[in-house]
PDB file of N, CA and C in Angstrom:
ATOM      1  N   UNK A   1       0.822  -1.239   0.016  1.00  0.00           N
ATOM      2  CA  UNK A   1       0.056   0.062  -0.116  1.00  0.00           C
ATOM      3  C   UNK A   1       1.002   1.153  -0.099  1.00  0.00           C
ATOM      4  N   UNK A   2       0.647   2.055  -0.809  1.00  0.00           N
ATOM      5  CA  UNK A   2       1.522   3.561  -0.996  1.00  0.00           C
ATOM      6  C   UNK A   2       0.563   4.449  -0.231  1.00  0.00           C
ATOM      7  N   UNK A   3       1.338   5.294   0.300  1.00  0.00           N
ATOM      8  CA  UNK A   3       0.793   6.198   1.267  1.00  0.00           C
ATOM      9  C   UNK A   3       0.449   7.711   0.218  1.00  0.00           C
ATOM     10  N   UNK A   4      -0.831   8.279   0.196  1.00  0.00           N
ATOM     11  CA  UNK A   4      -0.704   9.451  -0.383  1.00  0.00           C
ATOM     12  C   UNK A   4       0.512  10.617  -0.095  1.00  0.00           C
ATOM     13  N   UNK A   5       0.774  11.140  -1.136  1.00  0.00           N
ATOM     14  CA  UNK A   5       2.092  12.102  -0.845  1.00  0.00           C
ATOM     15  C   UNK A   5       1.472  12.990   0.190  1.00  0.00           C
ATOM     16  N   UNK A   6       0.147  13.643   0.489  1.00  0.00           N
ATOM     17  CA  UNK A   6      -0.161  14.534   1.390  1.00  0.00           C
ATOM     18  C   UNK A   6       0.224  14.003   2.796  1.00  0.00           C
ATOM     19  N   UNK A   7       0.361  12.758   3.165  1.00  0.00           N
ATOM     20  CA  UNK A   7       0.648  12.390   4.295  1.00  0.00           C
ATOM     21  C   UNK A   7       1.859  12.126   4.579  1.00  0.00           C
ATOM     22  N   UNK A   8       3.130  12.568   3.976  1.00  0.00           N
ATOM     23  CA  UNK A   8       4.250  12.110   3.788  1.00  0.00           C
ATOM     24  C   UNK A   8       5.002  13.679   4.255  1.00  0.00           C
ATOM     25  N   UNK A   9       5.987  13.622   5.059  1.00  0.00           N
ATOM     26  CA  UNK A   9       6.895  14.980   5.089  1.00  0.00           C
ATOM     27  C   UNK A   9       7.619  15.135   3.930  1.00  0.00           C
ATOM     28  N   UNK A  10       8.076  16.240   3.547  1.00  0.00           N
ATOM     29  CA  UNK A  10       8.567  16.763   2.500  1.00  0.00           C
ATOM     30  C   UNK A  10      10.337  16.586   2.837  1.00  0.00           C
ATOM     31  N   UNK A  11      11.218  16.297   1.949  1.00  0.00           N
ATOM     32  CA  UNK A  11      12.678  15.889   2.018  1.00  0.00           C
ATOM     33  C   UNK A  11      13.320  17.081   2.955  1.00  0.00           C
ATOM     34  N   UNK A  12      13.025  18.195   3.088  1.00  0.00           N
ATOM     35  CA  UNK A  12      13.378  19.423   3.817  1.00  0.00           C
ATOM     36  C   UNK A  12      13.093  18.855   5.388  1.00  0.00           C
ATOM     37  N   UNK A  13      12.110  18.283   5.555  1.00  0.00           N
ATOM     38  CA  UNK A  13      11.931  17.816   6.986  1.00  0.00           C
ATOM     39  C   UNK A  13      13.182  17.129   7.421  1.00  0.00           C
ATOM     40  N   UNK A  14      13.780  16.279   6.672  1.00  0.00           N
ATOM     41  CA  UNK A  14      15.063  15.550   7.102  1.00  0.00           C
ATOM     42  C   UNK A  14      16.261  16.298   6.914  1.00  0.00           C
ATOM     43  N   UNK A  15      16.348  17.173   6.005  1.00  0.00           N
ATOM     44  CA  UNK A  15      17.745  17.852   5.861  1.00  0.00           C
ATOM     45  C   UNK A  15      17.628  19.526   6.041  1.00  0.00           C
ATOM     46  N   UNK A  16      16.654  20.180   6.279  1.00  0.00           N
ATOM     47  CA  UNK A  16      16.579  21.468   6.562  1.00  0.00           C
ATOM     48  C   UNK A  16      17.114  22.013   7.870  1.00  0.00           C
ATOM     49  N   UNK A  17      18.025  22.829   8.081  1.00  0.00           N
ATOM     50  CA  UNK A  17      18.554  23.555   9.092  1.00  0.00           C
ATOM     51  C   UNK A  17      17.230  24.289   9.828  1.00  0.00           C
ATOM     52  N   UNK A  18      16.340  25.007   9.027  1.00  0.00           N
ATOM     53  CA  UNK A  18      15.523  26.043   9.636  1.00  0.00           C
ATOM     54  C   UNK A  18      14.151  24.988  10.014  1.00  0.00           C
ATOM     55  N   UNK A  19      14.076  23.776   9.473  1.00  0.00           N
ATOM     56  CA  UNK A  19      13.025  22.917   9.933  1.00  0.00           C
ATOM     57  C   UNK A  19      13.394  22.330  11.474  1.00  0.00           C
ATOM     58  N   UNK A  20      14.597  21.643  11.414  1.00  0.00           N
ATOM     59  CA  UNK A  20      15.172  21.480  12.702  1.00  0.00           C
ATOM     60  C   UNK A  20      15.040  22.483  13.764  1.00  0.00           C
ATOM     61  N   UNK A  21      15.479  23.817  13.481  1.00  0.00           N
ATOM     62  CA  UNK A  21      15.500  24.816  14.653  1.00  0.00           C
ATOM     63  C   UNK A  21      13.978  24.720  14.804  1.00  0.00           C
ATOM     64  N   UNK A  22      13.035  24.953  14.087  1.00  0.00           N
ATOM     65  CA  UNK A  22      11.625  24.975  14.456  1.00  0.00           C
ATOM     66  C   UNK A  22      11.103  23.778  15.431  1.00  0.00           C
ATOM     67  N   UNK A  23      11.491  22.500  14.867  1.00  0.00           N
ATOM     68  CA  UNK A  23      11.056  21.594  15.413  1.00  0.00           C
ATOM     69  C   UNK A  23      11.364  21.427  16.919  1.00  0.00           C
ATOM     70  N   UNK A  24      12.437  21.670  17.078  1.00  0.00           N
ATOM     71  CA  UNK A  24      13.329  21.773  18.354  1.00  0.00           C
ATOM     72  C   UNK A  24      12.554  22.861  19.352  1.00  0.00           C
ATOM     73  N   UNK A  25      12.477  24.216  18.899  1.00  0.00           N
ATOM     74  CA  UNK A  25      11.958  25.042  19.591  1.00  0.00           C
ATOM     75  C   UNK A  25      10.392  24.907  19.892  1.00  0.00           C
ATOM     76  N   UNK A  26       9.484  24.414  19.002  1.00  0.00           N
ATOM     77  CA  UNK A  26       7.888  24.070  19.093  1.00  0.00           C
ATOM     78  C   UNK A  26       7.639  22.704  19.671  1.00  0.00           C
ATOM     79  N   UNK A  27       8.571  21.794  19.408  1.00  0.00           N
ATOM     80  CA  UNK A  27       8.095  20.411  20.016  1.00  0.00           C
ATOM     81  C   UNK A  27       9.002  19.986  21.322  1.00  0.00           C
ATOM     82  N   UNK A  28      10.297  20.019  21.170  1.00  0.00           N
ATOM     83  CA  UNK A  28      11.299  19.455  22.037  1.00  0.00           C
ATOM     84  C   UNK A  28      11.788  20.384  23.275  1.00  0.00           C
ATOM     85  N   UNK A  29      11.761  21.798  22.883  1.00  0.00           N
ATOM     86  CA  UNK A  29      11.846  22.586  24.075  1.00  0.00           C
ATOM     87  C   UNK A  29      10.466  23.337  24.717  1.00  0.00           C
ATOM     88  N   UNK A  30       9.431  22.926  24.134  1.00  0.00           N
ATOM     89  CA  UNK A  30       8.443  23.765  24.585  1.00  0.00           C
ATOM     90  C   UNK A  30       7.320  22.622  25.179  1.00  0.00           C
ATOM     91  N   UNK A  31       7.609  21.342  25.259  1.00  0.00           N
ATOM     92  CA  UNK A  31       6.767  20.438  26.042  1.00  0.00           C
ATOM     93  C   UNK A  31       7.606  19.546  26.917  1.00  0.00           C
ATOM     94  N   UNK A  32       6.597  18.982  27.887  1.00  0.00           N
ATOM     95  CA  UNK A  32       7.505  18.096  28.707  1.00  0.00           C
ATOM     96  C   UNK A  32       8.056  16.945  28.074  1.00  0.00           C
ATOM     97  N   UNK A  33       9.081  16.298  28.491  1.00  0.00           N
ATOM     98  CA  UNK A  33       9.708  15.382  27.996  1.00  0.00           C
ATOM     99  C   UNK A  33       9.938  14.068  28.933  1.00  0.00           C
ATOM    100  N   UNK A  34       9.820  12.937  28.633  1.00  0.00           N
ATOM    101  CA  UNK A  34      10.203  11.977  29.649  1.00  0.00           C
ATOM    102  C   UNK A  34      11.740  11.731  29.903  1.00  0.00           C
ATOM    103  N   UNK A  35      12.096  11.618  31.196  1.00  0.00           N
ATOM    104  CA  UNK A  35      13.289  11.385  31.428  1.00  0.00           C
ATOM    105  C   UNK A  35      13.855   9.976  32.003  1.00  0.00           C
ATOM    106  N   UNK A  36      12.696   9.512  32.464  1.00  0.00           N
ATOM    107  CA  UNK A  36      13.060   8.123  32.950  1.00  0.00           C
ATOM    108  C   UNK A  36      12.012   8.072  34.408  1.00  0.00           C
ATOM    109  N   UNK A  37      12.111   6.954  34.855  1.00  0.00           N
ATOM    110  CA  UNK A  37      11.555   6.444  36.189  1.00  0.00           C
ATOM    111  C   UNK A  37      12.119   6.746  37.190  1.00  0.00           C
ATOM    112  N   UNK A  38      11.562   6.900  38.369  1.00  0.00           N
ATOM    113  CA  UNK A  38      12.298   7.091  39.776  1.00  0.00           C
ATOM    114  C   UNK A  38      12.842   5.716  39.977  1.00  0.00           C
ATOM    115  N   UNK A  39      12.665   4.623  39.789  1.00  0.00           N
ATOM    116  CA  UNK A  39      13.515   3.332  39.730  1.00  0.00           C
ATOM    117  C   UNK A  39      14.944   3.527  39.176  1.00  0.00           C
ATOM    118  N   UNK A  40      15.019   4.339  38.082  1.00  0.00           N
ATOM    119  CA  UNK A  40      16.349   4.397  37.381  1.00  0.00           C
ATOM    120  C   UNK A  40      17.451   5.131  38.570  1.00  0.00           C
ATOM    121  N   UNK A  41      16.803   5.631  39.531  1.00  0.00           N
ATOM    122  CA  UNK A  41      17.671   6.451  40.410  1.00  0.00           C
ATOM    123  C   UNK A  41      17.329   5.956  41.870  1.00  0.00           C
ATOM    124  N   UNK A  42      17.723   4.824  42.192  1.00  0.00           N
ATOM    125  CA  UNK A  42      17.301   4.078  43.630  1.00  0.00           C
ATOM    126  C   UNK A  42      18.105   4.546  44.898  1.00  0.00           C
ATOM    127  N   UNK A  43      19.142   4.989  44.694  1.00  0.00           N
ATOM    128  CA  UNK A  43      20.144   5.482  45.730  1.00  0.00           C
ATOM    129  C   UNK A  43      20.825   6.806  45.548  1.00  0.00           C
ATOM    130  N   UNK A  44      20.725   7.769  46.588  1.00  0.00           N
ATOM    131  CA  UNK A  44      21.716   8.794  46.680  1.00  0.00           C
ATOM    132  C   UNK A  44      22.854   8.697  45.798  1.00  0.00           C
ATOM    133  N   UNK A  45      23.261   9.496  44.938  1.00  0.00           N
ATOM    134  CA  UNK A  45      24.278   9.702  43.909  1.00  0.00           C
ATOM    135  C   UNK A  45      23.820   9.261  42.650  1.00  0.00           C
ATOM    136  N   UNK A  46      22.828   8.649  42.533  1.00  0.00           N
ATOM    137  CA  UNK A  46      22.643   7.876  41.246  1.00  0.00           C
ATOM    138  C   UNK A  46      22.252   8.819  40.160  1.00  0.00           C
ATOM    139  N   UNK A  47      22.504   9.165  38.953  1.00  0.00           N
ATOM    140  CA  UNK A  47      22.129  10.374  38.332  1.00  0.00           C
ATOM    141  C   UNK A  47      21.871   9.399  36.665  1.00  0.00           C
ATOM    142  N   UNK A  48      21.125  10.459  36.101  1.00  0.00           N
ATOM    143  CA  UNK A  48      20.832   9.872  34.594  1.00  0.00           C
ATOM    144  C   UNK A  48      20.991  11.668  33.877  1.00  0.00           C
ATOM    145  N   UNK A  49      21.274  11.508  32.487  1.00  0.00           N
ATOM    146  CA  UNK A  49      21.047  12.784  31.724  1.00  0.00           C
ATOM    147  C   UNK A  49      20.314  12.271  30.335  1.00  0.00           C
ATOM    148  N   UNK A  50      19.560  13.363  30.170  1.00  0.00           N
ATOM    149  CA  UNK A  50      18.702  13.122  29.014  1.00  0.00           C
ATOM    150  C   UNK A  50      18.870  14.606  28.298  1.00  0.00           C
ATOM    151  N   UNK A  51      18.531  14.483  26.884  1.00  0.00           N
ATOM    152  CA  UNK A  51      18.450  15.593  25.999  1.00  0.00           C
ATOM    153  C   UNK A  51      17.134  15.999  25.880  1.00  0.00           C
ATOM    154  N   UNK A  52      16.807  17.404  26.042  1.00  0.00           N
ATOM    155  CA  UNK A  52      15.493  17.858  25.784  1.00  0.00           C
ATOM    156  C   UNK A  52      15.596  19.058  24.909  1.00  0.00           C
ATOM    157  N   UNK A  53      15.389  18.534  23.527  1.00  0.00           N
ATOM    158  CA  UNK A  53      15.661  19.606  22.599  1.00  0.00           C
ATOM    159  C   UNK A  53      17.148  19.763  22.567  1.00  0.00           C
ATOM    160  N   UNK A  54      17.634  21.038  22.285  1.00  0.00           N
ATOM    161  CA  UNK A  54      19.016  21.181  22.125  1.00  0.00           C
ATOM    162  C   UNK A  54      19.781  21.358  23.707  1.00  0.00           C
ATOM    163  N   UNK A  55      19.081  20.990  24.884  1.00  0.00           N
ATOM    164  CA  UNK A  55      19.541  21.282  26.095  1.00  0.00           C
ATOM    165  C   UNK A  55      19.790  19.955  26.873  1.00  0.00           C
ATOM    166  N   UNK A  56      20.904  19.677  27.471  1.00  0.00           N
ATOM    167  CA  UNK A  56      21.244  18.293  28.347  1.00  0.00           C
ATOM    168  C   UNK A  56      21.114  18.489  29.389  1.00  0.00           C
ATOM    169  N   UNK A  57      20.110  17.812  30.248  1.00  0.00           N
ATOM    170  CA  UNK A  57      19.633  18.112  31.611  1.00  0.00           C
ATOM    171  C   UNK A  57      20.347  16.665  32.186  1.00  0.00           C
ATOM    172  N   UNK A  58      20.654  17.068  33.715  1.00  0.00           N
ATOM    173  CA  UNK A  58      20.907  15.868  34.591  1.00  0.00           C
ATOM    174  C   UNK A  58      19.738  15.633  35.541  1.00  0.00           C
ATOM    175  N   UNK A  59      19.737  14.712  36.191  1.00  0.00           N
ATOM    176  CA  UNK A  59      18.500  14.378  37.180  1.00  0.00           C
ATOM    177  C   UNK A  59      19.550  13.524  37.990  1.00  0.00           C
ATOM    178  N   UNK A  60      19.586  14.057  39.281  1.00  0.00           N
ATOM    179  CA  UNK A  60      20.314  13.173  40.527  1.00  0.00           C
ATOM    180  C   UNK A  60      19.620  12.877  41.506  1.00  0.00           C
ATOM    181  N   UNK A  61      19.719  11.710  42.236  1.00  0.00           N
ATOM    182  CA  UNK A  61      19.285  11.468  43.362  1.00  0.00           C
ATOM    183  C   UNK A  61      20.036  12.266  44.705  1.00  0.00           C
ATOM    184  N   UNK A  62      19.484  12.942  45.259  1.00  0.00           N
ATOM    185  CA  UNK A  62      20.268  13.606  46.328  1.00  0.00           C
ATOM    186  C   UNK A  62      20.249  12.804  47.627  1.00  0.00           C
ATOM    187  N   UNK A  63      21.067  13.064  48.580  1.00  0.00           N
ATOM    188  CA  UNK A  63      21.369  12.483  50.030  1.00  0.00           C
ATOM    189  C   UNK A  63      20.181  12.335  50.866  1.00  0.00           C
ATOM    190  N   UNK A  64      19.355  13.488  50.490  1.00  0.00           N
ATOM    191  CA  UNK A  64      18.011  13.721  51.088  1.00  0.00           C
ATOM    192  C   UNK A  64      16.981  13.143  50.769  1.00  0.00           C
ATOM    193  N   UNK A  65      17.362  12.043  49.497  1.00  0.00           N
ATOM    194  CA  UNK A  65      16.273  11.403  49.187  1.00  0.00           C
ATOM    195  C   UNK A  65      15.370  12.107  47.796  1.00  0.00           C
ATOM    196  N   UNK A  66      15.678  13.498  47.688  1.00  0.00           N
ATOM    197  CA  UNK A  66      15.095  14.403  46.781  1.00  0.00           C
ATOM    198  C   UNK A  66      15.506  14.115  45.378  1.00  0.00           C
ATOM    199  N   UNK A  67      14.997  13.949  44.240  1.00  0.00           N
ATOM    200  CA  UNK A  67      15.430  13.908  42.892  1.00  0.00           C
ATOM    201  C   UNK A  67      15.471  15.247  42.382  1.00  0.00           C
ATOM    202  N   UNK A  68      16.470  15.974  41.731  1.00  0.00           N
ATOM    203  CA  UNK A  68      16.439  16.905  41.333  1.00  0.00           C
ATOM    204  C   UNK A  68      16.959  17.258  39.612  1.00  0.00           C
ATOM    205  N   UNK A  69      16.480  18.103  39.142  1.00  0.00           N
ATOM    206  CA  UNK A  69      17.110  18.064  37.708  1.00  0.00           C
ATOM    207  C   UNK A  69      17.724  19.469  37.326  1.00  0.00           C
ATOM    208  N   UNK A  70      18.854  19.566  36.975  1.00  0.00           N
ATOM    209  CA  UNK A  70      19.617  20.475  36.322  1.00  0.00           C
ATOM    210  C   UNK A  70      20.009  20.971  34.901  1.00  0.00           C
ATOM    211  N   UNK A  71      20.218  21.971  34.445  1.00  0.00           N
ATOM    212  CA  UNK A  71      21.062  21.886  33.033  1.00  0.00           C
ATOM    213  C   UNK A  71      22.387  21.131  33.390  1.00  0.00           C
ATOM    214  N   UNK A  72      22.552  20.666  32.462  1.00  0.00           N
ATOM    215  CA  UNK A  72      24.037  19.662  32.593  1.00  0.00           C
ATOM    216  C   UNK A  72      25.157  20.361  32.142  1.00  0.00           C
ATOM    217  N   UNK A  73      25.393  21.546  32.724  1.00  0.00           N
ATOM    218  CA  UNK A  73      26.444  22.315  32.201  1.00  0.00           C
ATOM    219  C   UNK A  73      26.997  23.250  33.286  1.00  0.00           C
ATOM    220  N   UNK A  74      28.529  22.974  33.058  1.00  0.00           N
ATOM    221  CA  UNK A  74      29.311  24.026  34.117  1.00  0.00           C
ATOM    222  C   UNK A  74      29.014  25.597  34.035  1.00  0.00           C
ATOM    223  N   UNK A  75      28.770  26.324  35.049  1.00  0.00           N
ATOM    224  CA  UNK A  75      28.529  27.706  34.726  1.00  0.00           C
ATOM    225  C   UNK A  75      29.751  28.422  34.249  1.00  0.00           C
ATOM    226  N   UNK A  76      31.044  27.727  34.339  1.00  0.00           N
ATOM    227  CA  UNK A  76      32.169  28.390  34.096  1.00  0.00           C
ATOM    228  C   UNK A  76      32.819  28.606  32.768  1.00  0.00           C
ATOM    229  N   UNK A  77      32.632  27.391  31.982  1.00  0.00           N
ATOM    230  CA  UNK A  77      32.882  27.607  30.597  1.00  0.00           C
ATOM    231  C   UNK A  77      31.796  26.776  29.809  1.00  0.00           C
ATOM    232  N   UNK A  78      30.738  26.014  30.458  1.00  0.00           N
ATOM    233  CA  UNK A  78      29.626  25.467  29.676  1.00  0.00           C
ATOM    234  C   UNK A  78      30.118  24.007  29.377  1.00  0.00           C
ATOM    235  N   UNK A  79      31.049  23.436  30.118  1.00  0.00           N
ATOM    236  CA  UNK A  79      31.155  22.002  29.590  1.00  0.00           C
ATOM    237  C   UNK A  79      30.080  21.063  30.254  1.00  0.00           C
ATOM    238  N   UNK A  80      29.965  20.123  29.353  1.00  0.00           N
ATOM    239  CA  UNK A  80      28.777  19.187  30.094  1.00  0.00           C
ATOM    240  C   UNK A  80      29.418  18.489  31.167  1.00  0.00           C
ATOM    241  N   UNK A  81      28.822  18.559  32.191  1.00  0.00           N
ATOM    242  CA  UNK A  81      29.208  17.866  33.659  1.00  0.00           C
ATOM    243  C   UNK A  81      29.219  16.100  33.738  1.00  0.00           C
ATOM    244  N   UNK A  82      28.249  15.937  33.357  1.00  0.00           N
ATOM    245  CA  UNK A  82      27.956  14.368  33.469  1.00  0.00           C
ATOM    246  C   UNK A  82      27.431  13.494  31.951  1.00  0.00           C
ATOM    247  N   UNK A  83      27.962  12.388  31.995  1.00  0.00           N
ATOM    248  CA  UNK A  83      27.689  11.734  30.630  1.00  0.00           C
ATOM    249  C   UNK A  83      26.643  10.712  31.091  1.00  0.00           C
ATOM    250  N   UNK A  84      25.641  10.281  30.380  1.00  0.00           N
ATOM    251  CA  UNK A  84      24.804   9.242  30.221  1.00  0.00           C
ATOM    252  C   UNK A  84      24.236   9.100  31.515  1.00  0.00           C
ATOM    253  N   UNK A  85      24.536   8.024  32.350  1.00  0.00           N
ATOM    254  CA  UNK A  85      24.119   7.722  33.656  1.00  0.00           C
ATOM    255  C   UNK A  85      25.145   7.017  34.492  1.00  0.00           C
ATOM    256  N   UNK A  86      24.990   6.969  35.680  1.00  0.00           N
ATOM    257  CA  UNK A  86      25.882   6.520  36.801  1.00  0.00           C
ATOM    258  C   UNK A  86      25.956   6.767  37.951  1.00  0.00           C
ATOM    259  N   UNK A  87      26.931   6.790  38.940  1.00  0.00           N
ATOM    260  CA  UNK A  87      26.776   7.048  40.360  1.00  0.00           C
ATOM    261  C   UNK A  87      27.922   8.377  40.413  1.00  0.00           C
ATOM    262  N   UNK A  88      27.421   9.358  40.931  1.00  0.00           N
ATOM    263  CA  UNK A  88      28.439  10.412  41.391  1.00  0.00           C
ATOM    264  C   UNK A  88      29.014  10.176  42.541  1.00  0.00           C
ATOM    265  N   UNK A  89      30.025  10.722  43.044  1.00  0.00           N
ATOM    266  CA  UNK A  89      30.837  10.518  44.447  1.00  0.00           C
ATOM    267  C   UNK A  89      30.035  11.723  45.396  1.00  0.00           C
ATOM    268  N   UNK A  90      30.913  12.427  46.049  1.00  0.00           N
ATOM    269  CA  UNK A  90      30.306  13.350  47.011  1.00  0.00           C
ATOM    270  C   UNK A  90      29.753  14.565  46.439  1.00  0.00           C
ATOM    271  N   UNK A  91      30.224  14.808  45.237  1.00  0.00           N
ATOM    272  CA  UNK A  91      29.866  16.400  44.322  1.00  0.00           C
ATOM    273  C   UNK A  91      29.935  15.927  42.991  1.00  0.00           C
ATOM    274  N   UNK A  92      29.271  16.762  42.233  1.00  0.00           N
ATOM    275  CA  UNK A  92      29.552  16.858  40.758  1.00  0.00           C
ATOM    276  C   UNK A  92      30.679  17.579  40.382  1.00  0.00           C
ATOM    277  N   UNK A  93      31.633  17.104  39.717  1.00  0.00           N
ATOM    278  CA  UNK A  93      32.837  17.922  39.336  1.00  0.00           C
ATOM    279  C   UNK A  93      32.926  17.944  37.716  1.00  0.00           C
ATOM    280  N   UNK A  94      33.162  18.995  37.484  1.00  0.00           N
ATOM    281  CA  UNK A  94      33.250  19.561  36.002  1.00  0.00           C
ATOM    282  C   UNK A  94      34.887  19.092  35.396  1.00  0.00           C
ATOM    283  N   UNK A  95      34.750  18.036  34.343  1.00  0.00           N
ATOM    284  CA  UNK A  95      35.724  17.469  33.985  1.00  0.00           C
ATOM    285  C   UNK A  95      36.745  18.683  33.269  1.00  0.00           C
ATOM    286  N   UNK A  96      36.381  19.727  33.062  1.00  0.00           N
ATOM    287  CA  UNK A  96      37.299  20.861  32.365  1.00  0.00           C
ATOM    288  C   UNK A  96      38.249  21.520  33.298  1.00  0.00           C
ATOM    289  N   UNK A  97      37.895  22.327  34.264  1.00  0.00           N
ATOM    290  CA  UNK A  97      38.528  23.128  35.405  1.00  0.00           C
ATOM    291  C   UNK A  97      38.239  22.547  36.823  1.00  0.00           C
ATOM    292  N   UNK A  98      37.341  21.276  36.882  1.00  0.00           N
ATOM    293  CA  UNK A  98      37.297  20.905  38.288  1.00  0.00           C
ATOM    294  C   UNK A  98      36.244  22.002  39.198  1.00  0.00           C
ATOM    295  N   UNK A  99      35.460  22.524  38.624  1.00  0.00           N
ATOM    296  CA  UNK A  99      34.499  23.596  39.495  1.00  0.00           C
ATOM    297  C   UNK A  99      33.761  22.315  40.101  1.00  0.00           C
ATOM    298  N   UNK A 100      33.299  22.332  41.362  1.00  0.00           N
ATOM    299  CA  UNK A 100      32.233  21.232  41.929  1.00  0.00           C
ATOM    300  C   UNK A 100      30.949  21.614  42.359  1.00  0.00           C
ATOM    301  N   UNK A 101      30.047  21.169  42.297  1.00  0.00           N
ATOM    302  CA  UNK A 101      28.615  21.356  42.760  1.00  0.00           C
ATOM    303  C   UNK A 101      28.154  20.146  43.603  1.00  0.00           C
ATOM    304  N   UNK A 102      27.237  20.586  44.779  1.00  0.00           N
ATOM    305  CA  UNK A 102      26.770  19.705  45.522  1.00  0.00           C
ATOM    306  C   UNK A 102      25.394  19.511  44.816  1.00  0.00           C
ATOM    307  N   UNK A 103      24.624  18.265  45.355  1.00  0.00           N
ATOM    308  CA  UNK A 103      23.560  17.832  44.509  1.00  0.00           C
ATOM    309  C   UNK A 103      22.388  18.579  44.877  1.00  0.00           C
ATOM    310  N   UNK A 104      22.329  20.071  45.384  1.00  0.00           N
ATOM    311  CA  UNK A 104      21.165  20.971  45.263  1.00  0.00           C
ATOM    312  C   UNK A 104      21.431  21.969  43.984  1.00  0.00           C
ATOM    313  N   UNK A 105      22.732  21.633  43.468  1.00  0.00           N
ATOM    314  CA  UNK A 105      23.175  22.837  42.383  1.00  0.00           C
ATOM    315  C   UNK A 105      23.903  23.833  42.840  1.00  0.00           C
ATOM    316  N   UNK A 106      24.528  23.750  44.272  1.00  0.00           N
ATOM    317  CA  UNK A 106      25.476  25.011  44.593  1.00  0.00           C
ATOM    318  C   UNK A 106      26.814  24.662  44.239  1.00  0.00           C
ATOM    319  N   UNK A 107      27.273  25.624  43.854  1.00  0.00           N
ATOM    320  CA  UNK A 107      28.861  25.653  43.484  1.00  0.00           C
ATOM    321  C   UNK A 107      29.422  25.327  44.852  1.00  0.00           C
ATOM    322  N   UNK A 108      30.452  24.603  45.243  1.00  0.00           N
ATOM    323  CA  UNK A 108      31.010  24.282  46.395  1.00  0.00           C
ATOM    324  C   UNK A 108      32.491  24.623  46.517  1.00  0.00           C
ATOM    325  N   UNK A 109      33.260  24.491  45.371  1.00  0.00           N
ATOM    326  CA  UNK A 109      34.561  24.407  45.238  1.00  0.00           C
ATOM    327  C   UNK A 109      34.958  24.935  44.032  1.00  0.00           C
ATOM    328  N   UNK A 110      36.007  25.831  43.889  1.00  0.00           N
ATOM    329  CA  UNK A 110      36.695  26.373  42.543  1.00  0.00           C
ATOM    330  C   UNK A 110      38.112  26.135  42.981  1.00  0.00           C
ATOM    331  N   UNK A 111      38.933  25.340  42.142  1.00  0.00           N
ATOM    332  CA  UNK A 111      40.425  24.967  42.283  1.00  0.00           C
ATOM    333  C   UNK A 111      41.127  26.341  42.650  1.00  0.00           C
ATOM    334  N   UNK A 112      41.908  26.436  43.577  1.00  0.00           N
ATOM    335  CA  UNK A 112      42.772  27.456  43.591  1.00  0.00           C
ATOM    336  C   UNK A 112      42.166  28.925  44.029  1.00  0.00           C
ATOM    337  N   UNK A 113      40.725  28.798  44.589  1.00  0.00           N
ATOM    338  CA  UNK A 113      40.059  29.743  45.256  1.00  0.00           C
ATOM    339  C   UNK A 113      40.443  29.723  46.667  1.00  0.00           C
ATOM    340  N   UNK A 114      41.109  31.027  46.902  1.00  0.00           N
ATOM    341  CA  UNK A 114      41.552  31.268  48.411  1.00  0.00           C
ATOM    342  C   UNK A 114      40.804  31.599  49.288  1.00  0.00           C
ATOM    343  N   UNK A 115      39.391  32.265  49.083  1.00  0.00           N
ATOM    344  CA  UNK A 115      38.413  32.676  49.900  1.00  0.00           C
ATOM    345  C   UNK A 115      37.271  32.020  49.813  1.00  0.00           C
ATOM    346  N   UNK A 116      36.278  31.998  50.728  1.00  0.00           N
ATOM    347  CA  UNK A 116      34.927  31.389  50.359  1.00  0.00           C
ATOM    348  C   UNK A 116      34.502  31.886  49.271  1.00  0.00           C
ATOM    349  N   UNK A 117      33.587  31.098  48.718  1.00  0.00           N
ATOM    350  CA  UNK A 117      32.837  31.534  47.482  1.00  0.00           C
ATOM    351  C   UNK A 117      31.679  32.708  47.870  1.00  0.00           C
ATOM    352  N   UNK A 118      31.653  33.590  46.814  1.00  0.00           N
ATOM    353  CA  UNK A 118      30.885  34.739  47.405  1.00  0.00           C
ATOM    354  C   UNK A 118      29.368  34.167  47.256  1.00  0.00           C
ATOM    355  N   UNK A 119      28.388  34.829  47.795  1.00  0.00           N
ATOM    356  CA  UNK A 119      27.053  34.570  48.025  1.00  0.00           C
ATOM    357  C   UNK A 119      26.347  34.374  46.701  1.00  0.00           C
ATOM    358  N   UNK A 120      26.612  35.171  45.810  1.00  0.00           N
ATOM    359  CA  UNK A 120      26.130  35.288  44.578  1.00  0.00           C
ATOM    360  C   UNK A 120      26.136  33.826  43.795  1.00  0.00           C
ATOM    361  N   UNK A 121      27.192  32.812  44.092  1.00  0.00           N
ATOM    362  CA  UNK A 121      27.342  31.577  43.564  1.00  0.00           C
ATOM    363  C   UNK A 121      26.208  30.515  43.988  1.00  0.00           C
ATOM    364  N   UNK A 122      25.803  30.753  45.089  1.00  0.00           N
ATOM    365  CA  UNK A 122      24.530  29.824  45.686  1.00  0.00           C
ATOM    366  C   UNK A 122      23.565  29.837  44.445  1.00  0.00           C
ATOM    367  N   UNK A 123      22.949  28.533  44.251  1.00  0.00           N
ATOM    368  CA  UNK A 123      21.509  28.307  43.324  1.00  0.00           C
ATOM    369  C   UNK A 123      20.555  28.776  44.131  1.00  0.00           C
ATOM    370  N   UNK A 124      20.288  28.673  45.515  1.00  0.00           N
ATOM    371  CA  UNK A 124      19.047  28.963  46.183  1.00  0.00           C
ATOM    372  C   UNK A 124      18.990  30.355  46.518  1.00  0.00           C
TER     373      UNK A 124
END
C-alpha cells in the first residue's frame, strides 16, 4: 500500500536546518519530555542525563532522597558535567576546570580559590 503524498513529510523535514530549529523550539523545548523512572535512580548519588531539544539535563538523587534536575552544564565554561548515567561521588565535578557542585546545584569548590565563595554563586 502506498501512502498519499499529502501524508508524507517533504525531504526538507530531514535535511533543512530551519526545519530542525523550528521542530526543536516548538516540540522538544516547549513541552514536557520523559526522562526516566524513579526506579532508574534508586540510591543517593545515582544520576542520569537526557537531551531535551538542544539542552542537556541531569537528574540526580540527592542524599536527602530528593530527585533534582539541572542543566547539565558548568557555569564556568559551559562544559557538560555528566555523561549518560551512573553514580556520582560526594559532588559533581566539571571535567574541564574541576569546579564542583553539590547535589542541590550549589557551587561548592573552585580550584585555587583562596577565599570562601561569594554568596551570588549559590543556586538557592
